[in-house]
Protein backbone atom coordinates (compact mmCIF):
# COMPACT_ATOMS: atom_id res chain seq x y z
CA MET A 1 -16.87 2.66 36.94
CA MET A 2 -15.90 4.67 33.48
CA PRO A 3 -15.56 1.85 30.35
CA GLU A 4 -11.77 1.58 29.53
CA ARG A 5 -10.95 3.66 26.65
CA ILE A 6 -10.10 1.84 23.27
CA THR A 7 -6.80 3.21 22.01
CA ALA A 8 -5.03 2.86 18.92
CA THR A 9 -2.41 0.32 20.80
CA LYS A 10 -5.42 -1.78 21.88
CA ILE A 11 -6.89 -1.76 18.34
CA SER A 12 -3.59 -2.68 17.04
CA GLN A 13 -3.06 -5.57 19.13
CA GLU A 14 -6.73 -6.94 18.38
CA ILE A 15 -6.25 -6.55 14.50
CA VAL A 16 -2.66 -8.06 14.52
CA ARG A 17 -4.16 -11.07 16.21
CA ILE A 18 -6.23 -11.74 13.13
CA ASP A 19 -4.53 -13.38 10.25
CA THR A 20 -5.34 -11.12 7.02
CA MET A 21 -2.81 -12.80 4.53
CA THR A 22 -5.80 -13.50 2.32
CA ARG A 23 -8.86 -13.26 4.28
CA GLU A 24 -9.47 -9.60 5.56
CA ARG A 25 -13.24 -10.13 6.43
CA GLU A 26 -12.93 -10.47 10.14
CA CYS A 27 -10.59 -7.38 10.58
CA ALA A 28 -12.78 -5.29 8.49
CA HIS A 29 -15.88 -6.10 10.16
CA TYR A 30 -14.19 -5.52 13.84
CA LEU A 31 -13.02 -1.99 12.67
CA GLY A 32 -16.29 -1.38 10.86
CA ALA A 33 -18.30 -2.32 13.84
CA LEU A 34 -16.13 0.04 16.09
CA LEU A 35 -16.79 3.02 13.92
CA GLY A 36 -20.42 2.06 13.07
CA GLU A 37 -21.37 2.04 16.77
CA ALA A 38 -19.49 5.53 17.04
CA GLY A 39 -21.97 6.93 14.32
CA PHE A 40 -20.03 6.38 11.25
CA GLU A 41 -21.83 5.12 8.27
CA VAL A 42 -19.99 1.80 7.26
CA SER A 43 -20.22 -0.17 4.10
CA TYR A 44 -18.30 -3.42 3.20
CA HIS A 45 -16.84 -4.09 -0.41
CA GLU A 46 -15.56 -7.63 -1.50
CA PHE A 47 -13.59 -8.02 -4.85
CA GLU A 48 -13.54 -11.71 -4.14
CA GLU A 49 -14.66 -14.17 -1.40
CA GLY A 50 -13.39 -13.12 2.31
CA ARG A 51 -11.45 -10.16 0.70
CA THR A 52 -13.24 -7.49 2.54
CA THR A 53 -12.47 -3.60 2.35
CA ALA A 54 -14.47 -1.30 5.06
CA VAL A 55 -15.30 2.14 4.21
CA ALA A 56 -16.58 4.43 7.03
CA ARG A 57 -17.77 7.79 6.63
CA LEU A 58 -18.74 10.51 9.33
CA LYS A 59 -21.01 13.03 8.01
CA GLY A 60 -20.07 16.73 8.48
CA GLU A 61 -22.28 19.74 7.97
CA GLY A 62 -21.17 20.62 4.32
CA GLY A 63 -19.48 23.55 2.70
CA LYS A 64 -16.06 21.41 2.15
CA LEU A 65 -14.74 18.47 0.50
CA PRO A 66 -14.07 15.39 2.48
CA ILE A 67 -10.78 14.17 3.84
CA TYR A 68 -9.83 10.75 3.51
CA PHE A 69 -7.70 8.56 5.70
CA GLY A 70 -6.92 5.02 4.76
CA GLY A 71 -4.40 2.18 3.90
CA HIS A 72 -4.72 -1.58 3.94
CA ILE A 73 -5.37 -4.46 6.50
CA ASP A 74 -3.88 -7.37 4.44
CA VAL A 75 -0.21 -8.64 5.50
CA VAL A 76 2.19 -10.76 3.90
CA PRO A 77 3.14 -14.17 4.52
CA LEU A 78 5.59 -14.96 7.41
CA GLY A 79 8.65 -16.16 5.49
CA ALA A 80 10.70 -18.88 6.09
CA LYS A 81 12.75 -17.73 9.26
CA PRO A 82 11.41 -18.55 12.71
CA TRP A 83 9.82 -15.68 14.76
CA SER A 84 11.04 -15.43 18.44
CA VAL A 85 7.47 -14.02 19.12
CA GLU A 86 4.07 -15.41 18.13
CA PRO A 87 3.15 -13.52 14.80
CA PHE A 88 -0.45 -13.23 15.46
CA GLY A 89 -0.14 -12.50 19.33
CA GLY A 90 0.16 -8.75 19.52
CA ALA A 91 2.44 -8.95 22.26
CA ILE A 92 4.07 -5.48 23.71
CA LEU A 93 7.59 -5.89 24.92
CA ASN A 94 9.87 -3.01 25.81
CA GLY A 95 7.62 -0.56 24.17
CA LYS A 96 7.34 -2.39 21.21
CA LEU A 97 4.13 -4.12 19.54
CA TYR A 98 4.99 -7.22 17.96
CA GLY A 99 3.33 -9.06 15.00
CA ARG A 100 2.85 -9.57 11.33
CA GLY A 101 1.68 -6.22 9.95
CA ALA A 102 2.50 -4.20 13.36
CA SER A 103 4.25 -1.52 11.25
CA ASP A 104 2.84 -2.39 7.72
CA MET A 105 0.47 -1.24 8.69
CA LYS A 106 -2.08 -2.13 11.16
CA ALA A 107 -0.82 0.30 13.74
CA GLY A 108 -1.53 3.04 10.99
CA ILE A 109 -5.12 1.83 10.21
CA ALA A 110 -5.52 1.43 14.15
CA ALA A 111 -4.47 5.04 14.53
CA CYS A 112 -7.05 6.23 11.87
CA VAL A 113 -9.84 4.31 13.72
CA GLU A 114 -8.96 6.00 17.13
CA MET A 115 -8.86 9.38 15.28
CA GLY A 116 -12.39 8.46 14.14
CA LEU A 117 -13.85 7.34 17.34
CA ARG A 118 -12.53 10.70 18.90
CA MET A 119 -13.98 12.99 16.06
CA ALA A 120 -17.48 11.09 16.50
CA THR A 121 -17.61 12.58 19.88
CA ARG A 122 -16.93 16.29 18.58
CA PRO A 123 -19.39 18.69 16.95
CA ARG A 124 -19.56 18.18 13.12
CA GLY A 125 -17.42 20.13 11.17
CA HIS A 126 -17.64 21.46 7.63
CA ALA A 127 -16.53 18.20 5.92
CA ASP A 128 -17.07 14.41 5.95
CA ILE A 129 -14.19 12.30 7.59
CA VAL A 130 -13.85 8.86 5.49
CA ILE A 131 -11.65 6.02 6.61
CA ILE A 132 -10.81 3.36 3.87
CA MET A 133 -9.49 -0.04 5.46
CA ALA A 134 -8.51 -1.83 2.58
CA ALA A 135 -8.12 -5.47 1.34
CA GLY A 136 -5.55 -6.72 -1.09
CA GLU A 137 -2.93 -3.79 -1.21
CA GLU A 138 -0.02 -6.31 -0.89
CA HIS A 139 -1.19 -7.91 -4.24
CA GLY A 140 -1.41 -4.45 -6.05
CA CYS A 141 -3.84 -2.31 -4.36
CA LEU A 142 -6.89 -4.63 -5.34
CA GLY A 143 -9.13 -3.53 -2.73
CA THR A 144 -8.82 0.25 -3.70
CA HIS A 145 -9.01 -0.39 -7.49
CA HIS A 146 -12.04 -2.36 -6.76
CA LEU A 147 -13.68 0.72 -4.87
CA ALA A 148 -12.77 2.99 -7.66
CA SER A 149 -14.07 0.79 -10.24
CA GLU A 150 -17.30 0.39 -8.33
CA GLY A 151 -17.85 4.06 -7.97
CA GLU A 152 -17.56 3.93 -4.31
CA LEU A 153 -14.84 6.96 -4.09
CA ASP A 154 -15.98 10.49 -4.29
CA ARG A 155 -14.16 13.85 -4.88
CA ALA A 156 -11.80 14.19 -1.84
CA GLY A 157 -10.07 17.60 -0.75
CA ALA A 158 -7.14 15.67 1.11
CA LEU A 159 -5.86 12.34 1.34
CA VAL A 160 -3.77 10.83 4.34
CA ILE A 161 -2.31 7.40 3.77
CA ALA A 162 -1.09 5.66 7.00
CA GLU A 163 1.78 3.68 5.95
CA PRO A 164 4.86 3.22 7.90
CA THR A 165 6.92 6.60 8.01
CA SER A 166 7.80 6.89 11.85
CA ASN A 167 5.32 9.77 11.53
CA TYR A 168 7.28 11.83 9.20
CA PRO A 169 5.38 13.18 6.35
CA ILE A 170 5.86 11.88 2.94
CA LEU A 171 4.94 13.73 -0.17
CA GLY A 172 4.94 10.87 -2.79
CA HIS A 173 6.02 7.56 -4.17
CA ARG A 174 7.01 5.60 -7.01
CA GLY A 175 4.52 3.57 -9.16
CA ALA A 176 4.63 -0.06 -9.91
CA LEU A 177 4.37 -2.09 -13.14
CA TRP A 178 4.35 -5.72 -12.47
CA LEU A 179 4.82 -7.90 -15.61
CA ARG A 180 4.67 -11.67 -16.44
CA LEU A 181 7.01 -12.53 -19.46
CA VAL A 182 6.23 -15.85 -21.17
CA THR A 183 7.98 -17.84 -23.96
CA THR A 184 6.77 -20.87 -25.58
CA GLY A 185 8.74 -23.56 -27.60
CA LYS A 186 8.36 -27.39 -28.51
CA THR A 187 8.85 -30.19 -26.16
CA ALA A 188 11.19 -33.17 -26.93
CA HIS A 189 13.01 -35.72 -25.00
CA GLY A 190 16.01 -34.39 -23.21
CA SER A 191 18.34 -36.78 -25.19
CA MET A 192 17.32 -35.04 -28.57
CA PRO A 193 17.40 -31.38 -27.65
CA GLU A 194 17.72 -30.73 -31.39
CA GLU A 195 13.97 -32.13 -31.89
CA GLY A 196 12.43 -29.33 -29.70
CA ASP A 197 12.40 -25.71 -29.34
CA ASN A 198 13.61 -24.72 -25.93
CA ALA A 199 11.45 -21.96 -24.31
CA VAL A 200 13.79 -21.38 -21.27
CA TYR A 201 16.72 -20.36 -23.64
CA LYS A 202 14.38 -17.99 -25.17
CA LEU A 203 13.29 -16.45 -21.81
CA ALA A 204 16.95 -16.26 -20.62
CA ARG A 205 17.86 -14.07 -23.65
CA ALA A 206 15.25 -11.68 -22.74
CA VAL A 207 16.25 -11.54 -19.07
CA ALA A 208 19.89 -11.06 -20.33
CA LYS A 209 18.66 -8.06 -22.29
CA LEU A 210 16.53 -6.70 -19.24
CA GLU A 211 19.95 -6.93 -17.01
CA ARG A 212 21.44 -4.49 -19.30
CA HIS A 213 18.73 -2.20 -20.14
CA ARG A 214 18.55 1.22 -18.79
CA PHE A 215 15.09 3.22 -19.35
CA ASN A 216 16.17 6.72 -21.13
CA ILE A 217 14.37 9.11 -18.88
CA ALA A 218 15.54 11.93 -16.65
CA PRO A 219 15.27 11.09 -12.76
CA ASP A 220 12.85 12.82 -10.54
CA LYS A 221 14.64 14.98 -7.97
CA LEU A 222 12.41 13.19 -5.06
CA LEU A 223 11.96 9.90 -6.18
CA GLY A 224 14.88 9.14 -8.30
CA THR A 225 14.46 7.13 -11.45
CA THR A 226 12.45 4.07 -12.88
CA SER A 227 14.06 0.74 -11.71
CA LEU A 228 13.60 -2.87 -12.79
CA CYS A 229 14.15 -6.28 -11.05
CA VAL A 230 13.67 -9.81 -12.46
CA SER A 231 12.03 -11.24 -9.25
CA SER A 232 11.19 -14.87 -10.45
CA PHE A 233 12.10 -17.37 -12.92
CA HIS A 234 10.69 -20.69 -13.84
CA GLY A 235 10.75 -23.11 -16.73
CA GLY A 236 10.02 -26.72 -17.69
CA ILE A 237 8.33 -29.43 -15.71
CA ASN A 238 11.00 -32.37 -15.64
CA ARG A 239 14.66 -32.93 -16.00
CA ASN A 240 14.72 -35.15 -19.06
CA SER A 241 12.29 -33.01 -21.36
CA VAL A 242 13.02 -29.85 -23.41
CA PRO A 243 10.81 -26.97 -21.87
CA ASP A 244 8.43 -25.73 -24.24
CA ARG A 245 7.13 -22.86 -21.74
CA ALA A 246 8.94 -20.48 -19.32
CA GLU A 247 8.05 -17.41 -17.64
CA CYS A 248 9.35 -15.00 -15.44
CA SER A 249 8.20 -11.84 -12.98
CA VAL A 250 9.44 -8.34 -13.54
CA ASP A 251 9.18 -5.52 -11.06
CA ILE A 252 9.32 -2.14 -12.34
CA ARG A 253 9.20 1.07 -10.16
CA THR A 254 8.16 4.02 -12.16
CA ILE A 255 8.55 7.83 -11.42
CA PRO A 256 5.98 10.51 -12.38
CA GLY A 257 5.59 11.19 -16.08
CA HIS A 258 7.03 7.82 -17.11
CA SER A 259 3.87 6.29 -18.73
CA HIS A 260 3.37 2.30 -18.44
CA ILE A 261 1.98 2.53 -21.99
CA ASP A 262 5.58 3.75 -23.11
CA ILE A 263 7.43 1.30 -20.87
CA LEU A 264 5.36 -1.82 -22.42
CA ALA A 265 5.88 -0.45 -26.10
CA GLU A 266 9.93 -0.02 -25.31
CA LEU A 267 10.13 -3.75 -23.94
CA SER A 268 7.99 -4.98 -26.80
CA LYS A 269 10.33 -3.41 -29.13
CA LEU A 270 13.35 -4.75 -27.40
CA PHE A 271 12.23 -8.35 -27.42
CA GLY A 272 10.45 -8.68 -30.55
CA GLU A 273 7.84 -11.44 -31.01
CA GLU A 274 9.79 -14.15 -29.02
CA VAL A 275 8.22 -12.91 -25.53
CA GLU A 276 4.74 -12.32 -24.63
CA ILE A 277 4.34 -9.62 -22.16
CA ILE A 278 1.67 -9.82 -19.63
CA PRO A 279 0.93 -6.54 -17.32
CA GLU A 280 -0.41 -7.94 -13.81
CA VAL A 281 -0.33 -4.87 -11.88
CA ARG A 282 -0.35 -1.22 -12.67
CA ALA A 283 -0.14 1.44 -9.90
CA ASP A 284 0.54 5.20 -10.68
CA ALA A 285 3.35 7.04 -8.93
CA VAL A 286 1.97 9.76 -6.45
CA LEU A 287 3.47 13.21 -5.61
CA THR A 288 2.22 16.14 -4.12
CA ASP A 289 3.78 19.77 -4.20
CA ALA A 290 5.31 20.81 -0.88
CA GLU A 291 4.10 24.19 -1.25
CA ASN A 292 0.33 23.09 -1.24
CA VAL A 293 -1.18 24.93 1.52
CA TRP A 294 -2.72 21.92 3.02
CA VAL A 295 0.66 20.06 3.00
CA GLN A 296 1.89 23.10 4.85
CA THR A 297 -0.72 22.83 7.31
CA VAL A 298 0.40 19.10 7.95
CA TYR A 299 4.04 20.02 8.36
CA ASP A 300 2.76 23.07 10.96
CA ILE A 301 1.17 20.02 13.04
CA VAL A 302 4.02 17.72 12.74
CA GLU A 303 6.85 20.25 13.46
CA PRO A 304 6.53 20.72 17.16
CA ARG A 305 7.06 16.58 17.55
CA LEU A 306 9.78 16.57 15.08
CA GLY A 307 11.65 19.67 16.41
CA THR A 308 12.42 20.82 12.97
CA ARG A 309 10.60 21.67 9.70
CA PRO A 310 9.77 18.66 7.64
CA GLU A 311 12.02 18.12 4.46
CA ARG A 312 10.63 17.17 1.12
CA ARG A 313 10.90 13.20 1.13
CA GLY A 314 9.32 10.66 -1.32
CA ALA A 315 9.45 6.70 -0.84
CA PRO A 316 10.32 3.83 -3.29
CA TYR A 317 7.61 1.53 -2.55
CA PHE A 318 3.66 2.23 -3.70
CA THR A 319 0.67 2.39 -1.58
CA ASP A 320 -3.04 2.61 -1.97
CA ALA A 321 -2.72 6.14 -2.74
CA SER A 322 -2.22 4.75 -6.40
CA ALA A 323 -5.74 3.98 -6.69
CA LEU A 324 -7.26 6.56 -4.15
CA THR A 325 -5.79 9.65 -5.57
CA GLN A 326 -7.06 8.81 -8.97
CA GLY A 327 -10.63 7.78 -7.60
CA CYS A 328 -10.74 10.81 -5.39
CA GLY A 329 -9.81 13.34 -8.20
CA TYR A 330 -6.15 13.89 -7.27
CA PRO A 331 -6.30 15.51 -4.18
CA PRO A 332 -3.26 16.39 -2.11
CA THR A 333 -1.87 13.48 -0.48
CA VAL A 334 0.64 12.84 2.48
CA ILE A 335 1.77 9.43 3.49
CA ILE A 336 2.32 9.51 7.56
CA GLY A 337 2.12 6.44 9.63
CA PRO A 338 3.40 5.01 12.74
CA GLY A 339 5.17 2.17 11.35
CA ILE A 340 8.71 1.73 10.71
CA LYS A 341 9.46 1.23 7.11
CA GLU A 342 12.44 -0.97 7.71
CA GLN A 343 10.12 -3.37 9.57
CA ALA A 344 7.96 -4.12 6.63
CA HIS A 345 7.80 -7.65 5.72
CA GLN A 346 10.37 -8.57 8.36
CA THR A 347 10.51 -11.39 10.94
CA ASP A 348 9.65 -10.44 14.33
CA GLU A 349 8.14 -7.20 13.02
CA TYR A 350 7.10 -4.43 15.42
CA CYS A 351 5.98 -0.95 15.99
CA LEU A 352 6.91 1.44 18.51
CA VAL A 353 3.86 1.78 20.98
CA ASP A 354 4.58 5.72 21.49
CA LYS A 355 4.33 6.15 17.74
CA ILE A 356 1.05 4.49 17.66
CA GLU A 357 -0.45 6.86 19.94
CA GLU A 358 1.35 10.01 18.52
CA ALA A 359 -0.12 8.90 15.21
CA ALA A 360 -3.65 9.00 16.19
CA ASP A 361 -3.00 12.43 18.02
CA LEU A 362 -1.48 13.94 14.61
CA TYR A 363 -4.38 12.45 12.57
CA GLU A 364 -7.10 14.13 14.94
CA GLU A 365 -5.29 17.48 14.69
CA ILE A 366 -5.04 17.02 10.91
CA ALA A 367 -8.73 16.16 10.81
CA MET A 368 -9.63 19.02 13.26
CA ARG A 369 -7.81 21.54 10.94
CA TRP A 370 -9.47 20.34 7.82
CA CYS A 371 -13.08 20.31 9.26
CA GLU A 372 -12.42 23.70 10.64
CA LEU A 373 -12.90 22.64 14.16
CA SER A 374 -9.60 24.00 15.45
């Protein structure tokens, strides 16, 4: 009897069943073992205990720069709303694979792995195929930044990121600058506030300025403009004391050409010395020219399934492409994956099974064309 074929759907189910909110090691080693047994060279990289990224490379005959496929294996917490299905069960109901990370983006990673397993059975093409299965993307592309800092990335000719797009090719995304703003003061008894220096009032003034602030930069035709959101605020430790410290989180999404250094200087001028600005995440915007020859090849591959030529599209979120494009010498990049972007981080998250298998077919054709095997 022939052994059962390992499909992207089955791989998706297996890795959805692994809770990877903060510990990706088991998932990384499961995927790495599949690819290693097929002939890939596999290495593992941890930026902290249990936070493991797997890198798999199928060597080609040379003559052409490698093509990279990748994304992340970590997931966000479940949220407060109860799930109607087991979030780490990997159940398939009515053509939908349910579970945390199903769309964002374990189905995309699974499709990359199935592509790799297929390519390992074919003659070697002119380029290496590299698959990145990264830890820590949800916290600011920590795993891929770690790969870049350790010199584990080489110059690539093309990059595919398997984030959720319902298999529609996306040309880029906005960057991210996540900040922590801190104000300090002097504590005092709540009945004598004049004896203290209230840090919450200082931070509240800063937040009020942010609500009114607009960045003076022309919008990008595809990605829109730079946006700003105050996402958390905390100050003080008890009701009857003047707070001597307050802090808030700020989420800024940036367009190409809007320097993070310029933004920090602008906010520093806006606040003066009253507020300390602490950058916590920096992820660059990514944008590839639609007229790039390889992008047009991807469009050729996708068009028959869409029934129309793809339009130029971008995304408001950021991906591991922020770190990978820089670490790989800024190759043309396409974001395309089976997940549904609106399902990301949702209760009862799911991915359509037919899109998972379609993604594996698309990735195989993209790899075949790049490696000059078709």
